[in-house]
């Protein structure tokens, strides 16, 4: 490879690397950020998690008025992913437990909504949704977080507050670069 081609390649890759930053602060907590301003350290997207005993708390924050979603999967692909989709607006927060089966299928609502302590806000152009779910459930559409899983964070398209339907995300979700391994007995 010619020296100038190599330098051009590096100049394209290096700025991109700071955009997606997975940081697992322990086996029990961490965060995934994207589109961060180098000067202010403010990120347009952030997913954080913290596990304790038999539950995990997720916080999704993004500079958007569209839907937000966190996905839990055994791989870095979207099929067969446990998904939590929500939005804030008009003084209310909505969040639902869903599951993606085969590829290019909209996430279907689970018959059991295994989430609680849902709260959210929309302030200064940022949507924020925080919720808890059990580490393990008895729902066949939920993926246990006990063990190693990949986390997805997606910023969506439009949503319909009345029907709870969502449109496809406007950009590719960000995904943890490695599986996040949570051992609840150590949290």
N, C-alpha and C. Protein backbone atom coordinates (compact mmCIF):
# COMPACT_ATOMS: atom_id res chain seq x y z
N UNK A 1 0.85 -1.17 0.00
CA UNK A 1 0.00 0.00 0.00
C UNK A 1 0.90 1.23 0.00
N UNK A 2 0.59 2.16 -0.84
CA UNK A 2 1.36 3.40 -0.91
C UNK A 2 1.18 4.20 0.38
N UNK A 3 2.23 4.94 0.76
CA UNK A 3 2.20 5.70 2.00
C UNK A 3 1.03 6.69 2.03
N UNK A 4 0.75 7.37 0.92
CA UNK A 4 -0.34 8.34 0.90
C UNK A 4 -1.70 7.65 1.05
N UNK A 5 -1.86 6.46 0.47
CA UNK A 5 -3.12 5.71 0.62
C UNK A 5 -3.31 5.28 2.07
N UNK A 6 -2.23 4.84 2.71
CA UNK A 6 -2.30 4.41 4.09
C UNK A 6 -2.67 5.59 4.98
N UNK A 7 -2.07 6.74 4.77
CA UNK A 7 -2.38 7.93 5.57
C UNK A 7 -3.82 8.36 5.34
N UNK A 8 -4.31 8.28 4.10
CA UNK A 8 -5.71 8.61 3.82
C UNK A 8 -6.65 7.67 4.55
N UNK A 9 -6.31 6.38 4.55
CA UNK A 9 -7.14 5.39 5.24
C UNK A 9 -7.18 5.68 6.73
N UNK A 10 -6.03 5.95 7.32
CA UNK A 10 -5.96 6.25 8.75
C UNK A 10 -6.74 7.52 9.07
N UNK A 11 -6.67 8.52 8.22
CA UNK A 11 -7.39 9.77 8.48
C UNK A 11 -8.90 9.58 8.42
N UNK A 12 -9.37 8.55 7.74
CA UNK A 12 -10.80 8.24 7.69
C UNK A 12 -11.19 7.41 8.91
N UNK A 13 -10.36 6.45 9.29
CA UNK A 13 -10.69 5.54 10.38
C UNK A 13 -10.61 6.21 11.75
N UNK A 14 -9.55 6.95 12.02
CA UNK A 14 -9.32 7.52 13.36
C UNK A 14 -10.49 8.40 13.81
N UNK A 15 -11.00 9.34 13.01
CA UNK A 15 -12.12 10.14 13.50
C UNK A 15 -13.35 9.30 13.81
N UNK A 16 -13.55 8.18 13.10
CA UNK A 16 -14.71 7.35 13.32
C UNK A 16 -14.62 6.59 14.64
N UNK A 17 -13.42 6.22 15.06
CA UNK A 17 -13.26 5.40 16.26
C UNK A 17 -13.81 6.07 17.51
N UNK A 18 -13.70 7.36 17.64
CA UNK A 18 -14.20 8.03 18.83
C UNK A 18 -15.71 8.11 18.86
N UNK A 19 -16.36 7.84 17.73
CA UNK A 19 -17.81 7.98 17.67
C UNK A 19 -18.54 6.89 18.43
N UNK A 20 -18.01 5.66 18.45
CA UNK A 20 -18.66 4.56 19.13
C UNK A 20 -17.72 4.07 20.22
N UNK A 21 -18.13 4.27 21.47
CA UNK A 21 -17.25 3.99 22.59
C UNK A 21 -17.91 3.06 23.59
N UNK A 22 -17.67 1.75 23.52
CA UNK A 22 -18.19 0.90 24.59
C UNK A 22 -17.24 0.93 25.77
N UNK A 23 -17.78 1.16 26.96
CA UNK A 23 -16.94 1.12 28.14
C UNK A 23 -17.65 0.32 29.21
N UNK A 24 -17.18 -0.86 29.48
CA UNK A 24 -17.73 -1.66 30.56
C UNK A 24 -16.92 -1.32 31.80
N UNK A 25 -17.56 -0.67 32.77
CA UNK A 25 -16.84 -0.23 33.95
C UNK A 25 -16.66 -1.37 34.95
N UNK A 26 -17.46 -2.41 34.85
CA UNK A 26 -17.29 -3.61 35.67
C UNK A 26 -18.13 -4.70 35.03
N UNK A 27 -18.20 -5.84 35.67
CA UNK A 27 -19.07 -6.90 35.15
C UNK A 27 -20.53 -6.52 35.33
N UNK A 28 -20.80 -5.54 36.16
CA UNK A 28 -22.18 -5.20 36.50
C UNK A 28 -22.70 -3.91 35.88
N UNK A 29 -21.82 -3.08 35.33
CA UNK A 29 -22.29 -1.82 34.77
C UNK A 29 -21.39 -1.38 33.62
N UNK A 30 -21.91 -0.46 32.82
CA UNK A 30 -21.13 0.08 31.71
C UNK A 30 -21.97 1.01 30.87
N UNK A 31 -21.40 1.45 29.76
CA UNK A 31 -22.15 2.31 28.85
C UNK A 31 -21.61 2.18 27.44
N UNK A 32 -22.45 2.55 26.51
CA UNK A 32 -22.14 2.56 25.09
C UNK A 32 -22.51 3.94 24.59
N UNK A 33 -21.55 4.65 23.99
CA UNK A 33 -21.82 6.00 23.52
C UNK A 33 -21.49 6.13 22.04
N UNK A 34 -22.10 7.12 21.40
CA UNK A 34 -21.83 7.38 19.99
C UNK A 34 -22.02 8.86 19.70
N UNK A 35 -21.35 9.31 18.66
CA UNK A 35 -21.45 10.69 18.19
C UNK A 35 -21.15 11.69 19.31
N UNK A 36 -19.98 11.51 19.91
CA UNK A 36 -19.56 12.38 21.02
C UNK A 36 -18.74 13.55 20.50
N UNK A 37 -18.96 14.70 21.09
CA UNK A 37 -18.18 15.89 20.77
C UNK A 37 -16.87 15.80 21.55
N UNK A 38 -15.75 15.84 20.84
CA UNK A 38 -14.44 15.71 21.49
C UNK A 38 -14.18 16.82 22.50
N UNK A 39 -14.66 18.00 22.22
CA UNK A 39 -14.39 19.15 23.09
C UNK A 39 -15.26 19.11 24.35
N UNK A 40 -16.57 18.94 24.18
CA UNK A 40 -17.49 19.01 25.32
C UNK A 40 -17.70 17.66 26.00
N UNK A 41 -17.34 16.57 25.31
CA UNK A 41 -17.55 15.20 25.81
C UNK A 41 -19.04 14.85 25.91
N UNK A 42 -19.89 15.64 25.27
CA UNK A 42 -21.32 15.35 25.24
C UNK A 42 -21.59 14.44 24.06
N UNK A 43 -22.37 13.39 24.30
CA UNK A 43 -22.66 12.41 23.25
C UNK A 43 -24.11 12.54 22.81
N UNK A 44 -24.35 12.36 21.51
CA UNK A 44 -25.71 12.39 20.99
C UNK A 44 -26.47 11.11 21.32
N UNK A 45 -25.76 10.02 21.61
CA UNK A 45 -26.39 8.76 21.97
C UNK A 45 -25.63 8.12 23.13
N UNK A 46 -26.38 7.64 24.11
CA UNK A 46 -25.75 6.92 25.21
C UNK A 46 -26.71 5.89 25.78
N UNK A 47 -26.20 4.68 25.92
CA UNK A 47 -26.91 3.60 26.58
C UNK A 47 -26.06 3.20 27.78
N UNK A 48 -26.64 3.22 28.97
CA UNK A 48 -25.91 2.78 30.15
C UNK A 48 -26.71 1.69 30.84
N UNK A 49 -26.01 0.84 31.60
CA UNK A 49 -26.67 -0.25 32.30
C UNK A 49 -25.98 -0.47 33.64
N UNK A 50 -26.77 -0.98 34.58
CA UNK A 50 -26.26 -1.30 35.90
C UNK A 50 -27.08 -2.45 36.46
N UNK A 51 -26.41 -3.57 36.74
CA UNK A 51 -27.09 -4.75 37.28
C UNK A 51 -26.86 -4.82 38.79
N UNK A 52 -27.87 -5.27 39.50
CA UNK A 52 -27.77 -5.46 40.94
C UNK A 52 -28.69 -6.62 41.32
N UNK A 53 -28.11 -7.63 41.93
CA UNK A 53 -28.85 -8.83 42.37
C UNK A 53 -29.59 -9.47 41.20
N UNK A 54 -30.91 -9.34 41.16
CA UNK A 54 -31.69 -10.04 40.13
C UNK A 54 -32.32 -9.12 39.09
N UNK A 55 -31.83 -7.88 38.98
CA UNK A 55 -32.40 -6.95 38.01
C UNK A 55 -31.31 -6.11 37.36
N UNK A 56 -31.65 -5.52 36.22
CA UNK A 56 -30.75 -4.62 35.51
C UNK A 56 -31.52 -3.35 35.17
N UNK A 57 -30.84 -2.23 35.29
CA UNK A 57 -31.44 -0.94 34.93
C UNK A 57 -30.73 -0.42 33.68
N UNK A 58 -31.53 -0.03 32.70
CA UNK A 58 -31.01 0.58 31.48
C UNK A 58 -31.43 2.04 31.44
N UNK A 59 -30.54 2.89 30.90
CA UNK A 59 -30.89 4.28 30.63
C UNK A 59 -30.49 4.57 29.19
N UNK A 60 -31.46 4.98 28.38
CA UNK A 60 -31.23 5.34 26.98
C UNK A 60 -31.37 6.84 26.86
N UNK A 61 -30.39 7.48 26.25
CA UNK A 61 -30.43 8.93 26.03
C UNK A 61 -29.98 9.22 24.61
N UNK A 62 -30.73 10.05 23.91
CA UNK A 62 -30.33 10.41 22.54
C UNK A 62 -30.90 11.77 22.18
N UNK A 63 -30.18 12.45 21.31
CA UNK A 63 -30.62 13.75 20.81
C UNK A 63 -31.61 13.48 19.67
N UNK A 64 -32.88 13.26 20.06
CA UNK A 64 -33.92 12.91 19.10
C UNK A 64 -35.30 13.07 19.72
N UNK A 65 -36.29 13.17 18.87
CA UNK A 65 -37.68 13.10 19.33
C UNK A 65 -38.35 11.86 18.75
N UNK A 66 -37.54 10.93 18.28
CA UNK A 66 -38.02 9.66 17.72
C UNK A 66 -37.97 8.60 18.81
N UNK A 67 -38.28 7.35 18.44
CA UNK A 67 -38.23 6.28 19.43
C UNK A 67 -36.78 5.87 19.72
N UNK A 68 -36.58 5.27 20.89
CA UNK A 68 -35.29 4.73 21.31
C UNK A 68 -35.49 3.26 21.62
N UNK A 69 -34.44 2.46 21.45
CA UNK A 69 -34.56 1.03 21.76
C UNK A 69 -33.23 0.47 22.23
N UNK A 70 -33.32 -0.46 23.16
CA UNK A 70 -32.18 -1.27 23.57
C UNK A 70 -32.51 -2.71 23.20
N UNK A 71 -31.53 -3.38 22.61
CA UNK A 71 -31.69 -4.78 22.24
C UNK A 71 -30.69 -5.64 22.99
N UNK A 72 -31.10 -6.87 23.27
CA UNK A 72 -30.25 -7.84 23.97
C UNK A 72 -30.21 -9.08 23.10
N UNK A 73 -28.99 -9.50 22.75
CA UNK A 73 -28.86 -10.61 21.80
C UNK A 73 -27.64 -11.48 22.13
N UNK A 74 -27.67 -12.71 21.65
CA UNK A 74 -26.52 -13.60 21.85
C UNK A 74 -25.45 -13.37 20.78
N UNK A 75 -25.76 -12.54 19.76
CA UNK A 75 -24.77 -12.20 18.74
C UNK A 75 -24.96 -10.75 18.32
N UNK A 76 -24.23 -10.30 17.33
CA UNK A 76 -24.31 -8.90 16.90
C UNK A 76 -25.28 -8.70 15.74
N UNK A 77 -26.20 -9.63 15.57
CA UNK A 77 -27.19 -9.54 14.50
C UNK A 77 -28.56 -9.27 15.11
N UNK A 78 -29.45 -8.65 14.33
CA UNK A 78 -30.74 -8.26 14.86
C UNK A 78 -31.75 -9.39 15.00
N UNK A 79 -31.75 -10.41 14.14
CA UNK A 79 -32.75 -11.48 14.36
C UNK A 79 -32.58 -12.13 15.73
N UNK A 80 -33.72 -12.52 16.29
CA UNK A 80 -33.76 -13.21 17.57
C UNK A 80 -33.17 -12.36 18.69
N UNK A 81 -33.66 -11.11 18.75
CA UNK A 81 -33.20 -10.13 19.73
C UNK A 81 -34.36 -9.68 20.60
N UNK A 82 -34.13 -9.61 21.89
CA UNK A 82 -35.07 -9.06 22.86
C UNK A 82 -34.93 -7.54 22.78
N UNK A 83 -36.04 -6.82 22.62
CA UNK A 83 -35.97 -5.38 22.38
C UNK A 83 -36.94 -4.62 23.30
N UNK A 84 -36.48 -3.48 23.78
CA UNK A 84 -37.31 -2.58 24.57
C UNK A 84 -37.36 -1.25 23.81
N UNK A 85 -38.56 -0.89 23.35
CA UNK A 85 -38.76 0.28 22.49
C UNK A 85 -39.63 1.30 23.20
N UNK A 86 -39.20 2.57 23.17
CA UNK A 86 -40.01 3.58 23.82
C UNK A 86 -39.78 4.97 23.27
N UNK A 87 -40.60 5.89 23.75
CA UNK A 87 -40.49 7.29 23.35
C UNK A 87 -41.07 8.16 24.45
N UNK A 88 -40.72 9.44 24.38
CA UNK A 88 -41.24 10.43 25.32
C UNK A 88 -41.90 11.54 24.51
N UNK A 89 -42.86 12.16 25.08
CA UNK A 89 -43.51 13.27 24.40
C UNK A 89 -44.84 13.61 25.02
N UNK A 90 -45.20 14.86 24.92
CA UNK A 90 -46.47 15.37 25.45
C UNK A 90 -46.65 14.98 26.92
N UNK A 91 -45.55 15.02 27.68
CA UNK A 91 -45.63 14.75 29.11
C UNK A 91 -45.76 13.29 29.49
N UNK A 92 -45.62 12.38 28.54
CA UNK A 92 -45.77 10.96 28.84
C UNK A 92 -44.59 10.16 28.27
N UNK A 93 -44.33 9.02 28.89
CA UNK A 93 -43.30 8.12 28.41
C UNK A 93 -43.95 6.77 28.15
N UNK A 94 -43.63 6.17 27.02
CA UNK A 94 -44.13 4.85 26.66
C UNK A 94 -42.94 3.93 26.44
N UNK A 95 -43.00 2.71 26.96
CA UNK A 95 -41.96 1.72 26.74
C UNK A 95 -42.60 0.35 26.65
N UNK A 96 -42.14 -0.46 25.71
CA UNK A 96 -42.70 -1.80 25.54
C UNK A 96 -41.61 -2.84 25.39
N UNK A 97 -41.93 -4.05 25.83
CA UNK A 97 -41.08 -5.22 25.72
C UNK A 97 -41.48 -5.93 24.43
N UNK A 98 -40.51 -6.13 23.52
CA UNK A 98 -40.79 -6.72 22.21
C UNK A 98 -39.74 -7.76 21.86
N UNK A 99 -39.96 -8.44 20.75
CA UNK A 99 -39.01 -9.47 20.31
C UNK A 99 -38.92 -9.44 18.79
N UNK A 100 -37.68 -9.50 18.29
CA UNK A 100 -37.47 -9.60 16.84
C UNK A 100 -37.19 -11.07 16.54
N UNK A 101 -38.01 -11.66 15.70
CA UNK A 101 -37.78 -13.04 15.29
C UNK A 101 -36.85 -13.07 14.10
N UNK A 102 -37.39 -13.33 12.96
CA UNK A 102 -36.59 -13.39 11.74
C UNK A 102 -36.19 -12.00 11.28
N UNK A 103 -35.16 -11.94 10.45
CA UNK A 103 -34.63 -10.69 9.93
C UNK A 103 -35.69 -9.90 9.18
N UNK A 104 -35.63 -8.58 9.33
CA UNK A 104 -36.51 -7.62 8.67
C UNK A 104 -37.98 -7.75 9.09
N UNK A 105 -38.18 -8.24 10.28
CA UNK A 105 -39.52 -8.31 10.86
C UNK A 105 -39.59 -7.23 11.94
N UNK A 106 -40.70 -6.50 11.98
CA UNK A 106 -40.86 -5.50 13.04
C UNK A 106 -40.87 -6.19 14.39
N UNK A 107 -40.32 -5.55 15.39
CA UNK A 107 -40.37 -6.15 16.73
C UNK A 107 -41.84 -6.30 17.17
N UNK A 108 -42.21 -7.52 17.53
CA UNK A 108 -43.58 -7.80 17.97
C UNK A 108 -43.68 -7.61 19.48
N UNK A 109 -44.81 -7.08 19.95
CA UNK A 109 -45.05 -6.92 21.38
C UNK A 109 -45.07 -8.28 22.06
N UNK A 110 -44.37 -8.38 23.20
CA UNK A 110 -44.42 -9.60 24.00
C UNK A 110 -45.77 -9.67 24.71
N UNK A 111 -46.23 -10.88 24.94
CA UNK A 111 -47.48 -11.03 25.71
C UNK A 111 -47.24 -10.66 27.17
N UNK A 112 -46.01 -10.86 27.66
CA UNK A 112 -45.63 -10.46 29.02
C UNK A 112 -44.70 -9.25 28.91
N UNK A 113 -45.04 -8.18 29.58
CA UNK A 113 -44.22 -6.97 29.58
C UNK A 113 -43.33 -6.98 30.81
N UNK A 114 -42.13 -7.53 30.65
CA UNK A 114 -41.20 -7.70 31.77
C UNK A 114 -40.31 -6.47 31.92
N UNK A 115 -40.92 -5.37 32.34
CA UNK A 115 -40.20 -4.13 32.61
C UNK A 115 -40.97 -3.36 33.67
N UNK A 116 -40.24 -2.53 34.40
CA UNK A 116 -40.88 -1.76 35.47
C UNK A 116 -40.02 -0.54 35.80
N UNK A 117 -40.54 0.30 36.67
CA UNK A 117 -39.87 1.57 37.05
C UNK A 117 -39.49 2.38 35.82
N UNK A 118 -40.43 2.50 34.90
CA UNK A 118 -40.20 3.25 33.66
C UNK A 118 -40.40 4.74 33.92
N UNK A 119 -39.41 5.54 33.53
CA UNK A 119 -39.60 6.98 33.55
C UNK A 119 -38.79 7.58 32.41
N UNK A 120 -39.22 8.74 31.99
CA UNK A 120 -38.55 9.37 30.86
C UNK A 120 -38.76 10.87 30.85
N UNK A 121 -38.00 11.50 29.96
CA UNK A 121 -38.12 12.95 29.81
C UNK A 121 -37.65 13.34 28.41
N UNK A 122 -38.07 14.52 28.02
CA UNK A 122 -37.59 15.13 26.78
C UNK A 122 -37.22 16.56 27.13
N UNK A 123 -35.90 16.82 27.19
CA UNK A 123 -35.41 18.13 27.62
C UNK A 123 -34.31 18.59 26.67
N UNK A 124 -34.43 19.81 26.18
CA UNK A 124 -33.42 20.43 25.32
C UNK A 124 -33.03 19.55 24.13
N UNK A 125 -34.03 18.90 23.54
CA UNK A 125 -33.78 18.08 22.34
C UNK A 125 -33.30 16.67 22.62
N UNK A 126 -33.15 16.28 23.89
CA UNK A 126 -32.70 14.94 24.26
C UNK A 126 -33.84 14.13 24.88
N UNK A 127 -34.05 12.93 24.35
CA UNK A 127 -34.98 11.99 24.95
C UNK A 127 -34.20 11.10 25.90
N UNK A 128 -34.79 10.81 27.04
CA UNK A 128 -34.15 9.93 28.03
C UNK A 128 -35.20 9.00 28.60
N UNK A 129 -34.92 7.70 28.56
CA UNK A 129 -35.82 6.69 29.12
C UNK A 129 -35.00 5.77 30.00
N UNK A 130 -35.51 5.57 31.22
CA UNK A 130 -34.85 4.69 32.18
C UNK A 130 -35.86 3.63 32.60
N UNK A 131 -35.38 2.37 32.73
CA UNK A 131 -36.28 1.30 33.16
C UNK A 131 -35.48 0.15 33.74
N UNK A 132 -36.19 -0.74 34.41
CA UNK A 132 -35.59 -1.96 34.96
C UNK A 132 -36.30 -3.17 34.39
N UNK A 133 -35.56 -4.28 34.36
CA UNK A 133 -36.14 -5.58 34.00
C UNK A 133 -35.40 -6.65 34.78
N UNK A 134 -36.03 -7.80 34.99
CA UNK A 134 -35.32 -8.89 35.67
C UNK A 134 -34.14 -9.39 34.83
N UNK A 135 -33.10 -9.88 35.49
CA UNK A 135 -31.97 -10.49 34.78
C UNK A 135 -32.47 -11.69 33.98
N UNK A 136 -33.32 -12.50 34.61
CA UNK A 136 -33.89 -13.68 33.97
C UNK A 136 -35.40 -13.65 34.17
N UNK A 137 -36.15 -13.98 33.12
CA UNK A 137 -37.60 -14.05 33.21
C UNK A 137 -38.05 -15.45 32.78
N UNK A 138 -39.34 -15.73 32.94
CA UNK A 138 -39.90 -16.99 32.47
C UNK A 138 -40.60 -16.80 31.13
N UNK A 139 -40.24 -15.74 30.43
CA UNK A 139 -40.85 -15.40 29.14
C UNK A 139 -39.96 -15.92 28.03
N UNK A 140 -40.51 -16.75 27.16
CA UNK A 140 -39.70 -17.33 26.07
C UNK A 140 -39.24 -16.28 25.06
N UNK A 141 -39.86 -15.10 25.06
CA UNK A 141 -39.44 -14.03 24.15
C UNK A 141 -38.40 -13.10 24.77
N UNK A 142 -38.04 -13.34 26.04
CA UNK A 142 -36.99 -12.54 26.68
C UNK A 142 -35.69 -13.33 26.68
N UNK A 143 -34.59 -12.63 26.53
CA UNK A 143 -33.27 -13.24 26.59
C UNK A 143 -32.67 -12.94 27.95
N UNK A 144 -32.22 -13.98 28.63
CA UNK A 144 -31.60 -13.82 29.94
C UNK A 144 -30.33 -12.98 29.81
N UNK A 145 -30.11 -12.13 30.78
CA UNK A 145 -28.90 -11.31 30.78
C UNK A 145 -27.82 -11.96 31.65
N UNK A 146 -28.17 -13.06 32.31
CA UNK A 146 -27.20 -13.81 33.11
C UNK A 146 -26.26 -14.52 32.14
N UNK A 147 -25.04 -14.03 32.02
CA UNK A 147 -24.09 -14.58 31.06
C UNK A 147 -23.58 -13.48 30.15
N UNK A 148 -23.20 -13.85 28.95
CA UNK A 148 -22.60 -12.89 28.01
C UNK A 148 -23.57 -12.58 26.88
N UNK A 149 -23.88 -11.30 26.69
CA UNK A 149 -24.82 -10.85 25.67
C UNK A 149 -24.29 -9.57 25.02
N UNK A 150 -24.74 -9.34 23.80
CA UNK A 150 -24.45 -8.09 23.10
C UNK A 150 -25.62 -7.14 23.35
N UNK A 151 -25.31 -5.85 23.52
CA UNK A 151 -26.34 -4.84 23.68
C UNK A 151 -26.36 -3.97 22.43
N UNK A 152 -27.57 -3.68 21.96
CA UNK A 152 -27.80 -2.80 20.82
C UNK A 152 -28.44 -1.52 21.34
N UNK A 153 -28.18 -0.41 20.66
CA UNK A 153 -28.88 0.83 20.97
C UNK A 153 -29.29 1.44 19.64
N UNK A 154 -30.59 1.63 19.48
CA UNK A 154 -31.11 2.16 18.22
C UNK A 154 -31.90 3.43 18.47
N UNK A 155 -31.79 4.31 17.52
CA UNK A 155 -32.56 5.56 17.50
C UNK A 155 -33.48 5.44 16.31
N UNK A 156 -34.76 5.65 16.54
CA UNK A 156 -35.71 5.26 15.52
C UNK A 156 -36.22 6.30 14.58
N UNK A 157 -37.23 5.84 13.90
CA UNK A 157 -37.99 6.68 12.99
C UNK A 157 -39.24 7.16 13.72
N UNK A 158 -40.28 7.29 12.96
CA UNK A 158 -41.55 7.76 13.51
C UNK A 158 -42.21 6.69 14.37
N UNK A 159 -43.15 7.11 15.20
CA UNK A 159 -43.94 6.18 16.01
C UNK A 159 -45.36 6.70 16.07
N UNK A 160 -46.29 5.81 16.33
CA UNK A 160 -47.68 6.17 16.48
C UNK A 160 -48.07 5.92 17.92
N UNK A 161 -48.31 6.98 18.68
CA UNK A 161 -48.63 6.85 20.10
C UNK A 161 -49.92 6.08 20.34
N UNK A 162 -50.86 6.17 19.42
CA UNK A 162 -52.14 5.49 19.61
C UNK A 162 -52.05 3.98 19.34
N UNK A 163 -51.42 3.61 18.24
CA UNK A 163 -51.36 2.18 17.86
C UNK A 163 -50.10 1.49 18.39
N UNK A 164 -49.13 2.27 18.85
CA UNK A 164 -47.83 1.77 19.34
C UNK A 164 -46.97 1.18 18.23
N UNK A 165 -47.30 1.50 16.99
CA UNK A 165 -46.50 1.04 15.86
C UNK A 165 -45.28 1.93 15.68
N UNK A 166 -44.20 1.32 15.22
CA UNK A 166 -42.97 2.08 14.98
C UNK A 166 -42.53 1.86 13.54
N UNK A 167 -41.81 2.84 13.03
CA UNK A 167 -41.20 2.73 11.71
C UNK A 167 -39.74 2.38 11.90
N UNK A 168 -39.12 1.86 10.88
CA UNK A 168 -37.74 1.41 10.93
C UNK A 168 -36.80 2.53 11.40
N UNK A 169 -35.75 2.12 12.09
CA UNK A 169 -34.74 3.08 12.55
C UNK A 169 -34.10 3.79 11.36
N UNK A 170 -33.74 5.04 11.58
CA UNK A 170 -33.21 5.87 10.50
C UNK A 170 -31.73 5.60 10.22
N UNK A 171 -31.03 4.97 11.15
CA UNK A 171 -29.63 4.62 10.95
C UNK A 171 -29.37 3.27 11.63
N UNK A 172 -28.25 2.67 11.30
CA UNK A 172 -27.91 1.37 11.89
C UNK A 172 -27.73 1.51 13.40
N UNK A 173 -28.24 0.55 14.17
CA UNK A 173 -28.03 0.59 15.62
C UNK A 173 -26.54 0.47 15.96
N UNK A 174 -26.16 1.01 17.11
CA UNK A 174 -24.81 0.79 17.59
C UNK A 174 -24.86 -0.46 18.46
N UNK A 175 -23.78 -1.22 18.44
CA UNK A 175 -23.73 -2.51 19.13
C UNK A 175 -22.43 -2.59 19.92
N UNK A 176 -22.49 -3.20 21.09
CA UNK A 176 -21.26 -3.39 21.84
C UNK A 176 -20.29 -4.22 21.00
N UNK A 177 -19.02 -3.86 21.03
CA UNK A 177 -18.02 -4.54 20.20
C UNK A 177 -17.69 -5.93 20.72
N UNK A 178 -18.01 -6.17 21.97
CA UNK A 178 -17.82 -7.50 22.54
C UNK A 178 -19.02 -7.79 23.43
N UNK A 179 -19.23 -9.07 23.72
CA UNK A 179 -20.34 -9.44 24.59
C UNK A 179 -20.10 -8.86 25.99
N UNK A 180 -21.17 -8.42 26.60
CA UNK A 180 -21.13 -7.91 27.96
C UNK A 180 -21.51 -9.08 28.88
N UNK A 181 -20.60 -9.45 29.76
CA UNK A 181 -20.79 -10.61 30.62
C UNK A 181 -21.20 -10.15 32.02
N UNK A 182 -22.40 -10.51 32.41
CA UNK A 182 -22.94 -10.11 33.72
C UNK A 182 -23.18 -11.36 34.56
N UNK A 183 -22.59 -11.37 35.73
CA UNK A 183 -22.78 -12.44 36.69
C UNK A 183 -23.54 -11.84 37.88
N UNK A 184 -24.87 -12.06 37.96
CA UNK A 184 -25.66 -11.39 38.99
C UNK A 184 -25.19 -11.69 40.42
N UNK A 185 -24.57 -12.83 40.64
CA UNK A 185 -24.12 -13.14 42.00
C UNK A 185 -22.96 -12.25 42.44
N UNK A 186 -22.35 -11.54 41.49
CA UNK A 186 -21.23 -10.64 41.82
C UNK A 186 -21.64 -9.17 41.74
N UNK A 187 -22.89 -8.91 41.52
CA UNK A 187 -23.36 -7.52 41.38
C UNK A 187 -23.99 -7.05 42.68
